[in-house]
Amino acid sequence: MIVLRRARVAEARARVVERDWPALLIGAACIGLAASVWVRPPWMLLAGVTSVALVAALAASDNRRLALAGVALLVAGLWWGALRCEALDQSYLADRIGETASGQGR
């Protein structure tokens, strides 16, 4: 019974990966972007991990390739998001957070 259930779960997982792999890759990149709000590792580490994952994905086959491409996109999203957060931290408007002013009406 348990073996049969595990086989069904594995089969269902394989179908989802075969059918929805583009959504899985985009989801990995989005998770990386979202995580960049909380985690900002050094960009050299992120560049290294992304490069290793991409090279490994090119050498792998089937589901391993998809998983490694997902890791590469997740880390690339984390890197891109961290760059965006750093740019916002250095923005001219960062000093004005919390201030109020009247808007210009026409």
Protein backbone atom coordinates (compact mmCIF):
# COMPACT_ATOMS: atom_id res chain seq x y z
CA MET A 1 0.00 0.00 0.00
CA ILE A 2 2.72 2.50 0.98
CA VAL A 3 4.89 1.51 -1.98
CA LEU A 4 1.95 1.98 -4.33
CA ARG A 5 1.21 5.41 -2.88
CA ARG A 6 4.85 6.48 -3.24
CA ALA A 7 4.79 5.35 -6.85
CA ARG A 8 1.68 7.45 -7.52
CA VAL A 9 3.23 10.49 -5.88
CA ALA A 10 6.41 10.07 -7.91
CA GLU A 11 4.38 9.67 -11.11
CA ALA A 12 2.30 12.77 -10.34
CA ARG A 13 5.45 14.77 -9.57
CA ALA A 14 7.01 13.69 -12.86
CA ARG A 15 3.89 14.76 -14.78
CA VAL A 16 3.92 18.19 -13.14
CA VAL A 17 7.60 18.67 -13.93
CA GLU A 18 7.13 17.59 -17.55
CA ARG A 19 4.08 19.77 -18.10
CA ASP A 20 4.77 22.83 -15.95
CA TRP A 21 8.54 23.23 -16.07
CA PRO A 22 8.42 26.84 -17.37
CA ALA A 23 6.29 27.89 -14.40
CA LEU A 24 8.68 26.13 -12.02
CA LEU A 25 11.65 28.06 -13.44
CA ILE A 26 9.84 31.41 -13.33
CA GLY A 27 8.71 30.61 -9.79
CA ALA A 28 12.32 29.98 -8.76
CA ALA A 29 13.37 33.39 -10.10
CA CYS A 30 10.44 35.07 -8.30
CA ILE A 31 11.34 33.37 -5.03
CA GLY A 32 14.89 34.69 -5.43
CA LEU A 33 13.61 38.22 -6.01
CA ALA A 34 11.34 38.02 -2.97
CA ALA A 35 14.09 36.59 -0.78
CA SER A 36 16.38 39.51 -1.65
CA VAL A 37 14.32 41.72 0.66
CA TRP A 38 15.53 39.70 3.67
CA VAL A 39 18.82 38.18 2.52
CA ARG A 40 21.66 40.04 0.83
CA PRO A 41 24.68 37.76 0.42
CA PRO A 42 27.83 39.12 -1.25
CA TRP A 43 27.43 39.38 -5.01
CA MET A 44 30.62 37.38 -5.65
CA LEU A 45 29.12 34.41 -3.80
CA LEU A 46 25.89 34.71 -5.79
CA ALA A 47 27.75 35.00 -9.09
CA GLY A 48 29.81 31.93 -8.24
CA VAL A 49 26.82 29.81 -7.22
CA THR A 50 24.89 30.88 -10.32
CA SER A 51 27.82 30.03 -12.60
CA VAL A 52 28.38 26.63 -11.02
CA ALA A 53 24.66 25.79 -11.22
CA LEU A 54 24.48 26.83 -14.88
CA VAL A 55 27.53 24.80 -15.86
CA ALA A 56 26.23 21.80 -13.93
CA ALA A 57 22.82 22.20 -15.60
CA LEU A 58 24.45 22.07 -19.01
CA ALA A 59 26.23 18.85 -18.09
CA ALA A 60 23.22 17.19 -16.41
CA SER A 61 20.23 15.52 -17.98
CA ASP A 62 16.47 15.30 -17.44
CA ASN A 63 15.15 16.41 -14.05
CA ARG A 64 18.59 17.24 -12.69
CA ARG A 65 19.02 19.80 -15.44
CA LEU A 66 15.70 21.38 -14.53
CA ALA A 67 16.55 21.45 -10.81
CA LEU A 68 19.96 23.01 -11.43
CA ALA A 69 18.48 25.58 -13.80
CA GLY A 70 15.95 26.40 -11.09
CA VAL A 71 18.75 26.88 -8.56
CA ALA A 72 20.60 29.12 -11.01
CA LEU A 73 17.49 31.24 -11.59
CA LEU A 74 16.70 31.43 -7.88
CA VAL A 75 20.20 32.68 -7.10
CA ALA A 76 20.17 35.03 -10.11
CA GLY A 77 16.87 36.47 -8.85
CA LEU A 78 18.40 36.89 -5.41
CA TRP A 79 21.38 38.69 -6.95
CA TRP A 80 19.22 40.97 -9.09
CA GLY A 81 16.95 41.80 -6.18
CA ALA A 82 19.94 42.58 -3.95
CA LEU A 83 21.27 44.97 -6.60
CA ARG A 84 17.89 46.69 -6.74
CA CYS A 85 17.72 46.99 -2.94
CA GLU A 86 21.23 48.48 -2.82
CA ALA A 87 20.23 51.03 -5.47
CA LEU A 88 17.17 51.97 -3.44
CA ASP A 89 19.29 52.30 -0.29
CA GLN A 90 21.52 54.81 -2.11
CA SER A 91 18.62 56.75 -3.60
CA TYR A 92 18.22 60.48 -3.06
CA LEU A 93 14.77 59.82 -1.67
CA ALA A 94 16.02 57.35 0.97
CA ASP A 95 16.74 60.27 3.31
CA ARG A 96 13.15 61.47 2.97
CA ILE A 97 11.42 58.27 4.06
CA GLY A 98 8.73 59.11 6.60
CA GLU A 99 8.37 62.78 5.57
CA THR A 100 5.11 64.20 4.34
CA ALA A 101 4.55 66.98 1.85
CA SER A 102 1.69 68.41 -0.10
CA GLY A 103 1.23 67.35 -3.70
CA GLN A 104 1.20 69.76 -6.57
CA GLY A 105 -2.28 70.26 -7.99
CA ARG A 106 -3.00 71.51 -11.46
